[in-house]
Amino acid sequence: MAECLIPRVESLTRKTQLQEIELERTSKQLKDAIAIAGEETAKCKAAKEVIKSLTAQ
């Protein structure tokens, strides 16, 4: 019975390793997207302030 389980365990181990790699890649993409969103938010706020200043004149 143990002989039947070894290939299954090896297969699941490989699958888990691939999923961990994919999770790391996706996590990095998420961090990058959050950073970009923060930058874009700052730009948007600055643009709104400029528009507000120009329309107040």
Protein backbone atom coordinates (compact mmCIF):
# COMPACT_ATOMS: atom_id res chain seq x y z
CA MET A 1 0.00 0.00 0.00
CA ALA A 2 2.84 2.41 0.76
CA GLU A 3 4.16 1.92 -2.79
CA CYS A 4 0.89 3.33 -4.12
CA LEU A 5 1.07 6.39 -1.92
CA ILE A 6 4.65 7.43 -2.73
CA PRO A 7 3.95 8.57 -6.32
CA ARG A 8 0.83 10.39 -5.12
CA VAL A 9 2.78 12.19 -2.39
CA GLU A 10 5.50 13.13 -4.88
CA SER A 11 2.90 14.43 -7.31
CA LEU A 12 1.19 16.49 -4.64
CA THR A 13 4.55 17.83 -3.46
CA ARG A 14 5.38 19.02 -6.99
CA LYS A 15 1.93 20.55 -7.35
CA THR A 16 2.34 22.37 -4.03
CA GLN A 17 5.75 23.70 -5.06
CA LEU A 18 4.33 25.04 -8.33
CA GLN A 19 1.44 26.66 -6.47
CA GLU A 20 3.89 28.31 -4.06
CA ILE A 21 5.85 29.75 -7.00
CA GLU A 22 2.63 31.02 -8.58
CA LEU A 23 1.54 32.53 -5.26
CA GLU A 24 4.87 34.37 -4.91
CA ARG A 25 4.57 35.71 -8.47
CA THR A 26 0.99 36.81 -7.95
CA SER A 27 1.84 38.41 -4.59
CA LYS A 28 4.60 40.44 -6.27
CA GLN A 29 2.19 41.55 -8.99
CA LEU A 30 -0.30 42.61 -6.32
CA LYS A 31 2.34 44.61 -4.43
CA ASP A 32 3.38 46.30 -7.68
CA ALA A 33 -0.25 47.12 -8.52
CA ILE A 34 -0.81 48.58 -5.05
CA ALA A 35 2.29 50.76 -5.42
CA ILE A 36 1.14 52.00 -8.83
CA ALA A 37 -2.34 52.70 -7.48
CA GLY A 38 -0.80 54.77 -4.69
CA GLU A 39 1.24 56.77 -7.18
CA GLU A 40 -1.79 57.35 -9.39
CA THR A 41 -3.86 58.43 -6.39
CA ALA A 42 -1.21 61.00 -5.47
CA LYS A 43 -1.15 62.30 -9.06
CA CYS A 44 -4.94 62.54 -9.11
CA LYS A 45 -5.03 64.47 -5.84
CA ALA A 46 -2.34 66.85 -7.11
CA ALA A 47 -4.25 67.40 -10.36
CA LYS A 48 -7.45 68.11 -8.44
CA GLU A 49 -5.62 70.69 -6.33
CA VAL A 50 -4.26 72.38 -9.47
CA ILE A 51 -7.73 72.45 -11.04
CA LYS A 52 -9.22 73.78 -7.81
CA SER A 53 -6.56 76.48 -7.66
CA LEU A 54 -7.06 77.48 -11.30
CA THR A 55 -10.84 77.64 -11.03
CA ALA A 56 -10.60 79.75 -7.87
CA GLN A 57 -8.69 82.50 -9.71
